[in-house]
N, C-alpha and C. Protein backbone atom coordinates (compact mmCIF):
# COMPACT_ATOMS: atom_id res chain seq x y z
N MET A 1 0.77 -1.23 -0.05
CA MET A 1 -0.17 -0.08 0.03
C MET A 1 0.94 1.16 0.06
N ARG A 2 0.79 2.23 -0.96
CA ARG A 2 1.36 3.50 -1.01
C ARG A 2 0.41 4.52 -1.53
N ILE A 3 0.91 5.44 -1.04
CA ILE A 3 0.20 6.69 -1.45
C ILE A 3 0.77 7.86 -2.67
N MET A 4 0.26 8.33 -3.68
CA MET A 4 0.69 8.96 -4.60
C MET A 4 0.29 10.67 -4.13
N GLY A 5 1.55 11.46 -4.58
CA GLY A 5 1.23 12.60 -4.31
C GLY A 5 1.44 13.62 -5.70
N LEU A 6 0.38 14.29 -6.11
CA LEU A 6 0.51 14.93 -7.06
C LEU A 6 0.53 16.51 -7.41
N ASP A 7 1.33 17.02 -7.91
CA ASP A 7 1.31 18.57 -8.07
C ASP A 7 0.95 18.94 -9.65
N PHE A 8 -0.45 19.03 -9.59
CA PHE A 8 -1.07 19.65 -10.91
C PHE A 8 -0.73 20.94 -11.74
N GLY A 9 -0.08 21.12 -12.68
CA GLY A 9 0.13 22.33 -13.30
C GLY A 9 -0.26 22.53 -14.62
N ALA A 10 -0.23 23.82 -14.95
CA ALA A 10 -0.92 24.06 -16.40
C ALA A 10 -0.27 23.02 -17.40
N LYS A 11 0.76 22.69 -17.48
CA LYS A 11 1.62 22.05 -18.45
C LYS A 11 2.39 20.70 -17.87
N THR A 12 2.16 20.70 -16.45
CA THR A 12 3.00 19.53 -15.84
C THR A 12 2.35 18.97 -14.56
N VAL A 13 2.77 17.79 -14.24
CA VAL A 13 2.16 17.16 -13.23
C VAL A 13 3.30 16.55 -12.30
N GLY A 14 3.74 16.80 -11.38
CA GLY A 14 4.73 16.28 -10.65
C GLY A 14 4.31 15.31 -9.75
N VAL A 15 4.99 14.09 -9.81
CA VAL A 15 4.74 12.79 -9.21
C VAL A 15 5.63 12.42 -8.12
N ALA A 16 4.88 12.11 -6.82
CA ALA A 16 5.84 11.45 -5.90
C ALA A 16 4.69 10.36 -5.39
N VAL A 17 5.72 9.28 -4.57
CA VAL A 17 4.81 8.19 -4.23
C VAL A 17 5.64 7.72 -2.86
N SER A 18 5.03 7.23 -1.81
CA SER A 18 5.25 7.18 -0.43
C SER A 18 6.18 5.99 -0.57
N ASP A 19 6.94 5.42 0.42
CA ASP A 19 7.26 4.20 0.84
C ASP A 19 6.06 3.26 1.29
N SER A 20 6.18 1.78 1.52
CA SER A 20 5.42 1.01 1.76
C SER A 20 4.94 1.34 3.46
N LEU A 21 5.86 1.91 4.00
CA LEU A 21 5.35 2.24 5.38
C LEU A 21 4.71 3.45 5.57
N LEU A 22 4.37 4.53 4.62
CA LEU A 22 3.70 5.50 4.49
C LEU A 22 4.79 6.56 5.52
N LEU A 23 6.02 6.57 5.20
CA LEU A 23 6.86 7.53 6.39
C LEU A 23 7.44 8.84 5.51
N THR A 24 7.80 8.19 4.45
CA THR A 24 8.58 9.23 3.73
C THR A 24 8.12 9.38 2.02
N ALA A 25 8.06 10.36 1.32
CA ALA A 25 7.74 10.71 -0.12
C ALA A 25 9.00 10.70 -0.80
N GLN A 26 9.15 10.12 -2.21
CA GLN A 26 10.20 10.38 -3.06
C GLN A 26 9.29 10.83 -4.12
N GLY A 27 10.26 11.75 -5.20
CA GLY A 27 9.61 12.27 -6.34
C GLY A 27 10.04 11.04 -7.34
N VAL A 28 8.94 11.14 -8.25
CA VAL A 28 9.17 9.73 -9.37
C VAL A 28 9.55 10.57 -10.73
N GLU A 29 8.52 11.30 -11.03
CA GLU A 29 8.49 12.15 -12.46
C GLU A 29 7.75 13.09 -12.62
N ILE A 30 8.04 13.83 -13.61
CA ILE A 30 7.11 14.76 -14.23
C ILE A 30 6.47 14.67 -15.42
N ILE A 31 5.22 14.61 -15.50
CA ILE A 31 4.65 14.52 -16.73
C ILE A 31 4.26 15.51 -17.27
N ARG A 32 4.71 15.62 -18.29
CA ARG A 32 4.53 16.87 -19.40
C ARG A 32 3.70 16.79 -20.50
N ARG A 33 2.89 17.78 -20.74
CA ARG A 33 1.85 17.71 -21.93
C ARG A 33 2.04 19.12 -22.48
N LYS A 34 1.77 19.25 -23.88
CA LYS A 34 1.57 20.06 -24.62
C LYS A 34 0.58 21.13 -24.65
N GLU A 35 -0.64 20.66 -24.07
CA GLU A 35 -1.56 21.90 -24.13
C GLU A 35 -2.09 21.45 -22.75
N GLU A 36 -2.87 22.57 -22.23
CA GLU A 36 -3.30 22.24 -20.68
C GLU A 36 -4.47 21.50 -20.57
N ASN A 37 -5.44 21.60 -21.72
CA ASN A 37 -6.51 20.82 -21.67
C ASN A 37 -6.46 19.25 -22.17
N LYS A 38 -5.29 18.75 -22.74
CA LYS A 38 -4.96 17.57 -23.07
C LYS A 38 -4.52 16.61 -21.95
N LEU A 39 -5.57 15.81 -21.39
CA LEU A 39 -5.16 15.28 -19.95
C LEU A 39 -5.28 13.76 -20.22
N ARG A 40 -5.64 13.19 -21.49
CA ARG A 40 -5.92 11.75 -21.60
C ARG A 40 -4.61 11.12 -21.23
N GLN A 41 -3.45 11.27 -21.86
CA GLN A 41 -2.18 11.27 -21.68
C GLN A 41 -1.61 10.92 -20.53
N THR A 42 -1.90 11.98 -19.74
CA THR A 42 -1.30 12.17 -18.10
C THR A 42 -2.32 11.07 -17.61
N LEU A 43 -3.62 11.10 -17.43
CA LEU A 43 -4.27 10.14 -16.69
C LEU A 43 -3.84 8.79 -16.76
N ALA A 44 -3.67 8.47 -18.22
CA ALA A 44 -3.37 7.11 -18.42
C ALA A 44 -1.71 6.86 -17.93
N ARG A 45 -0.91 7.95 -18.06
CA ARG A 45 0.18 7.65 -17.25
C ARG A 45 0.10 7.38 -15.50
N ILE A 46 -0.79 8.25 -15.21
CA ILE A 46 -1.02 8.28 -13.91
C ILE A 46 -1.25 6.78 -13.61
N GLU A 47 -2.27 6.43 -14.19
CA GLU A 47 -2.48 4.75 -13.93
C GLU A 47 -1.76 4.06 -13.94
N GLU A 48 -0.69 4.08 -14.92
CA GLU A 48 0.44 3.05 -15.27
C GLU A 48 1.21 3.17 -13.65
N LEU A 49 1.53 4.42 -13.28
CA LEU A 49 2.51 4.44 -11.90
C LEU A 49 1.58 3.99 -10.73
N ILE A 50 0.31 3.90 -10.83
CA ILE A 50 -0.49 3.71 -9.94
C ILE A 50 -0.52 1.88 -9.89
N VAL A 51 -0.38 1.37 -10.89
CA VAL A 51 -0.18 -0.28 -10.96
C VAL A 51 1.04 -0.54 -10.65
N GLU A 52 2.07 0.25 -11.19
CA GLU A 52 3.56 -0.04 -10.84
C GLU A 52 3.80 -0.09 -9.36
N TYR A 53 3.22 1.32 -8.56
CA TYR A 53 3.75 1.67 -7.40
C TYR A 53 2.86 0.86 -6.14
N GLU A 54 1.50 0.41 -6.80
CA GLU A 54 0.54 -0.49 -5.81
C GLU A 54 -0.01 0.83 -5.04
N VAL A 55 -0.56 1.74 -5.47
CA VAL A 55 -1.12 3.20 -5.01
C VAL A 55 -2.49 2.68 -4.66
N THR A 56 -2.92 3.18 -3.19
CA THR A 56 -4.14 3.06 -3.04
C THR A 56 -4.85 4.42 -2.63
N GLU A 57 -4.33 5.31 -2.56
CA GLU A 57 -4.68 6.81 -2.36
C GLU A 57 -3.72 7.63 -3.17
N ILE A 58 -4.60 9.04 -3.41
CA ILE A 58 -3.97 10.29 -3.95
C ILE A 58 -4.01 11.22 -3.25
N VAL A 59 -2.90 12.06 -3.22
CA VAL A 59 -3.34 13.12 -2.61
C VAL A 59 -2.48 14.27 -3.65
N LEU A 60 -3.55 15.19 -3.83
CA LEU A 60 -3.60 16.42 -4.79
C LEU A 60 -3.51 17.71 -4.20
N GLY A 61 -2.07 18.59 -4.91
CA GLY A 61 -2.19 19.71 -3.98
C GLY A 61 -3.13 20.51 -4.39
N LEU A 62 -3.73 21.50 -3.64
CA LEU A 62 -4.54 22.44 -3.91
C LEU A 62 -3.95 23.89 -3.75
N PRO A 63 -4.26 24.34 -4.88
CA PRO A 63 -3.27 25.91 -5.16
C PRO A 63 -4.15 26.90 -4.75
N LYS A 64 -3.92 27.14 -3.60
CA LYS A 64 -5.19 28.15 -2.79
C LYS A 64 -3.96 29.49 -3.17
N ASN A 65 -4.70 30.58 -3.31
CA ASN A 65 -3.97 31.73 -3.36
C ASN A 65 -3.39 32.04 -1.45
N MET A 66 -2.33 33.03 -1.46
CA MET A 66 -1.49 32.97 -0.12
C MET A 66 -2.71 33.66 0.67
N ASN A 67 -3.47 34.36 0.33
CA ASN A 67 -4.81 34.67 1.32
C ASN A 67 -5.70 33.83 1.32
N ALA A 68 -5.48 32.62 1.20
CA ALA A 68 -6.52 31.43 1.08
C ALA A 68 -7.56 31.41 0.49
N THR A 69 -7.82 32.59 -0.55
CA THR A 69 -8.94 32.66 -1.38
C THR A 69 -8.46 31.36 -2.71
N GLU A 70 -10.00 30.85 -3.33
CA GLU A 70 -9.44 30.17 -4.35
C GLU A 70 -9.72 30.83 -5.64
N GLY A 71 -8.71 30.66 -6.65
CA GLY A 71 -8.67 31.13 -7.95
C GLY A 71 -9.02 30.02 -8.78
N VAL A 72 -8.79 30.57 -10.12
CA VAL A 72 -9.13 29.72 -11.52
C VAL A 72 -8.30 28.36 -11.26
N ARG A 73 -7.29 28.31 -10.63
CA ARG A 73 -6.17 27.22 -10.69
C ARG A 73 -6.95 26.01 -9.89
N VAL A 74 -7.56 26.40 -8.62
CA VAL A 74 -8.26 25.56 -7.52
C VAL A 74 -9.37 25.03 -8.48
N GLU A 75 -10.32 25.69 -9.05
CA GLU A 75 -11.14 25.18 -10.05
C GLU A 75 -10.85 24.36 -10.82
N LEU A 76 -9.63 24.59 -11.60
CA LEU A 76 -8.87 23.50 -12.68
C LEU A 76 -8.33 22.26 -11.68
N THR A 77 -7.99 22.63 -10.64
CA THR A 77 -7.56 21.38 -10.02
C THR A 77 -8.41 20.26 -9.47
N ASN A 78 -9.91 21.22 -8.90
CA ASN A 78 -11.06 20.24 -8.83
C ASN A 78 -11.44 19.54 -9.70
N GLU A 79 -11.37 19.96 -11.04
CA GLU A 79 -11.84 18.99 -12.22
C GLU A 79 -10.88 17.82 -12.17
N PHE A 80 -9.71 18.49 -12.35
CA PHE A 80 -8.91 17.07 -12.34
C PHE A 80 -8.87 16.19 -11.35
N LYS A 81 -9.11 16.78 -10.29
CA LYS A 81 -9.49 15.52 -8.94
C LYS A 81 -10.70 14.54 -9.49
N GLU A 82 -11.61 15.19 -9.94
CA GLU A 82 -12.96 14.27 -10.35
C GLU A 82 -12.42 13.44 -11.49
N LYS A 83 -11.94 13.86 -12.59
CA LYS A 83 -11.46 12.75 -13.44
C LYS A 83 -10.57 11.81 -12.91
N LEU A 84 -9.73 12.09 -11.98
CA LEU A 84 -8.68 10.86 -11.31
C LEU A 84 -9.70 10.21 -10.39
N GLU A 85 -10.55 10.89 -9.78
CA GLU A 85 -11.49 9.77 -8.99
C GLU A 85 -12.43 8.69 -9.93
N ARG A 86 -12.94 9.23 -11.23
CA ARG A 86 -13.54 8.38 -12.01
C ARG A 86 -12.95 7.40 -12.63
N ARG A 87 -11.52 8.00 -13.05
CA ARG A 87 -10.58 7.35 -13.75
C ARG A 87 -10.19 5.78 -13.02
N THR A 88 -9.61 6.56 -11.72
CA THR A 88 -8.78 5.41 -11.03
C THR A 88 -9.59 4.68 -10.35
N GLY A 89 -10.74 5.37 -9.76
CA GLY A 89 -11.45 4.65 -8.57
C GLY A 89 -10.97 4.70 -7.07
N LEU A 90 -9.67 5.45 -7.01
CA LEU A 90 -9.05 5.76 -5.81
C LEU A 90 -9.79 7.04 -5.31
N PRO A 91 -9.64 7.47 -3.85
CA PRO A 91 -9.83 8.13 -3.15
C PRO A 91 -8.76 9.37 -3.37
N VAL A 92 -9.25 10.91 -3.59
CA VAL A 92 -8.27 11.80 -3.61
C VAL A 92 -8.49 12.62 -2.48
N THR A 93 -7.26 13.04 -1.96
CA THR A 93 -7.43 13.97 -1.00
C THR A 93 -6.89 15.22 -1.24
N MET A 94 -7.66 16.35 -1.10
CA MET A 94 -6.85 17.60 -1.33
C MET A 94 -5.94 18.16 -0.28
N TRP A 95 -4.74 18.63 -0.64
CA TRP A 95 -3.69 19.07 0.08
C TRP A 95 -3.16 20.34 -0.02
N ASP A 96 -3.30 21.30 0.83
CA ASP A 96 -2.76 22.84 0.63
C ASP A 96 -1.16 22.88 0.05
N GLU A 97 -1.14 23.23 -1.18
CA GLU A 97 0.21 23.17 -1.45
C GLU A 97 0.90 24.68 -1.56
N ARG A 98 0.48 25.63 -0.74
CA ARG A 98 0.97 26.83 -0.82
C ARG A 98 2.46 26.79 -0.38
N LEU A 99 3.42 27.65 -0.96
CA LEU A 99 4.72 27.72 -0.79
C LEU A 99 5.63 26.24 -0.92
N THR A 100 5.20 25.36 -1.48
CA THR A 100 5.75 24.13 -1.86
C THR A 100 6.54 24.28 -2.79
N THR A 101 6.31 25.06 -4.15
CA THR A 101 7.02 25.68 -5.12
C THR A 101 8.26 26.31 -4.65
N VAL A 102 8.25 27.34 -3.52
CA VAL A 102 9.31 28.17 -3.11
C VAL A 102 10.03 27.24 -2.27
N ALA A 103 9.51 26.05 -1.55
CA ALA A 103 10.56 25.27 -0.82
C ALA A 103 11.12 24.55 -1.88
N ALA A 104 10.63 23.83 -2.54
CA ALA A 104 11.46 23.12 -3.68
C ALA A 104 12.32 23.80 -4.22
N ASP A 105 12.26 25.19 -4.77
CA ASP A 105 13.39 25.89 -5.23
C ASP A 105 14.50 26.00 -4.13
N LYS A 106 13.92 26.33 -2.88
CA LYS A 106 15.03 26.53 -1.85
C LYS A 106 15.81 25.27 -1.82
N ILE A 107 15.17 24.09 -1.99
CA ILE A 107 15.96 22.78 -1.83
C ILE A 107 16.84 22.88 -2.85
N MET A 108 16.29 22.97 -4.20
CA MET A 108 17.55 22.94 -4.99
C MET A 108 18.76 23.88 -5.36
N MET A 109 18.38 25.29 -4.68
CA MET A 109 19.47 25.98 -4.58
C MET A 109 20.53 25.46 -3.62
N GLU A 110 19.91 24.95 -2.30
CA GLU A 110 21.05 24.36 -1.30
C GLU A 110 21.75 23.38 -1.96
N ALA A 111 21.12 22.44 -2.79
CA ALA A 111 21.70 21.09 -3.41
C ALA A 111 22.74 21.78 -4.71
N GLY A 112 22.56 23.16 -4.88
CA GLY A 112 23.66 23.38 -6.11
C GLY A 112 22.93 23.00 -7.56
N ILE A 113 21.82 23.05 -7.75
CA ILE A 113 21.40 23.00 -9.02
C ILE A 113 21.32 24.25 -9.67
N ARG A 114 22.00 24.34 -10.81
CA ARG A 114 21.84 25.70 -11.37
C ARG A 114 20.26 25.94 -11.75
N ARG A 115 20.21 27.41 -11.53
CA ARG A 115 18.80 28.05 -11.91
C ARG A 115 18.12 27.47 -13.22
N GLU A 116 18.94 27.86 -14.38
CA GLU A 116 18.49 27.41 -15.68
C GLU A 116 17.85 25.71 -15.59
N ASN A 117 18.54 24.78 -14.51
CA ASN A 117 17.86 23.57 -14.73
C ASN A 117 17.10 23.21 -13.55
N ARG A 118 16.37 24.07 -12.88
CA ARG A 118 15.54 23.72 -11.87
C ARG A 118 14.38 23.51 -12.40
N ARG A 119 13.88 24.27 -13.51
CA ARG A 119 12.57 23.64 -13.94
C ARG A 119 12.39 22.17 -14.17
N GLU A 120 13.53 21.65 -14.40
CA GLU A 120 13.37 20.00 -14.98
C GLU A 120 12.71 19.31 -13.33
N TYR A 121 13.13 19.83 -12.39
CA TYR A 121 12.86 19.15 -11.13
C TYR A 121 11.62 19.57 -10.20
N VAL A 122 11.41 21.01 -10.28
CA VAL A 122 10.60 21.61 -9.41
C VAL A 122 9.53 20.81 -9.09
N ASP A 123 8.44 20.52 -10.06
CA ASP A 123 7.23 19.95 -9.70
C ASP A 123 7.57 18.28 -9.19
N LYS A 124 8.46 17.71 -9.59
CA LYS A 124 8.51 16.43 -8.88
C LYS A 124 8.98 16.75 -7.57
N ILE A 125 9.72 17.56 -7.07
CA ILE A 125 10.10 18.11 -5.89
C ILE A 125 8.68 18.35 -4.92
N ALA A 126 7.90 19.47 -5.52
CA ALA A 126 7.06 20.01 -4.81
C ALA A 126 5.91 18.88 -4.68
N ALA A 127 5.73 17.90 -5.68
CA ALA A 127 4.84 16.70 -5.31
C ALA A 127 5.17 16.17 -4.03
N ALA A 128 6.53 15.80 -3.98
CA ALA A 128 7.28 15.08 -2.70
C ALA A 128 6.84 16.10 -1.50
N LEU A 129 6.90 17.23 -1.50
CA LEU A 129 6.62 18.15 -0.34
C LEU A 129 5.30 18.12 -0.21
N ILE A 130 4.53 18.16 -1.03
CA ILE A 130 2.67 17.79 -0.89
C ILE A 130 2.64 16.54 0.00
N LEU A 131 3.27 15.34 -0.92
CA LEU A 131 2.87 14.02 -0.11
C LEU A 131 3.73 13.86 1.51
N GLN A 132 4.63 14.60 1.44
CA GLN A 132 5.42 14.17 2.76
C GLN A 132 4.48 15.23 3.65
N GLY A 133 4.12 16.25 3.44
CA GLY A 133 3.16 17.37 4.48
C GLY A 133 2.12 16.10 4.75
N TYR A 134 1.23 15.59 3.95
CA TYR A 134 0.31 14.71 4.19
C TYR A 134 0.81 13.43 5.10
N LEU A 135 1.82 12.81 4.72
CA LEU A 135 2.27 11.53 5.26
C LEU A 135 2.58 12.10 7.02
N ASP A 136 3.22 13.20 6.95
CA ASP A 136 3.58 13.95 8.40
C ASP A 136 2.23 13.82 9.11
N ARG A 137 1.17 14.49 8.53
CA ARG A 137 0.22 15.03 9.42
C ARG A 137 -0.74 13.57 9.54
N LYS A 138 -0.66 12.56 8.68
CA LYS A 138 -1.38 11.24 8.98
C LYS A 138 -0.74 10.53 10.13
N SER A 139 0.68 10.65 10.21
CA SER A 139 1.42 10.14 11.43
C SER A 139 1.31 10.86 12.93
N MET A 140 1.35 12.14 12.83
CA MET A 140 0.76 12.64 13.84
C MET A 140 -0.12 12.31 14.49
N GLU A 141 -1.55 12.14 13.36
CA GLU A 141 -2.94 11.89 14.18
C GLU A 141 -2.79 10.56 14.59
N LYS A 142 -2.19 9.44 14.12
CA LYS A 142 -2.30 8.29 14.58
C LYS A 142 -1.59 8.20 16.43
N LYS A 143 -0.85 9.07 16.49
CA LYS A 143 -0.23 9.39 17.75
C LYS A 143 -1.12 10.03 18.88
């Protein structure tokens, strides 16, 4: 049993997966698409990863504005959530993703990744941060 974390963006979806003990999140890949509305291949790849990693639950980043209001990205993310649930049959939990991209960028700076190369990793790291936050919360609730 594993949990998948997703960072849904306009043209990318960062993917992370937990370990089988549900303690840590690891970035897996970034699914890229040419157009924002073209989700068929993205959903198909997510399904492949669900089977490969034996995922039983999905955590999807909720892109609220810094003042906690919901904009257009939240609406698009909610639509993506519905498509995920219909297509995979798995429960999808929304998780506040504010500042995960900033944190991912800071991690890459500290790791010495050049600025021009960071775009290649940021969504995958953000997905791992989203998932790790969720895993940490679940762990605290058990205690």
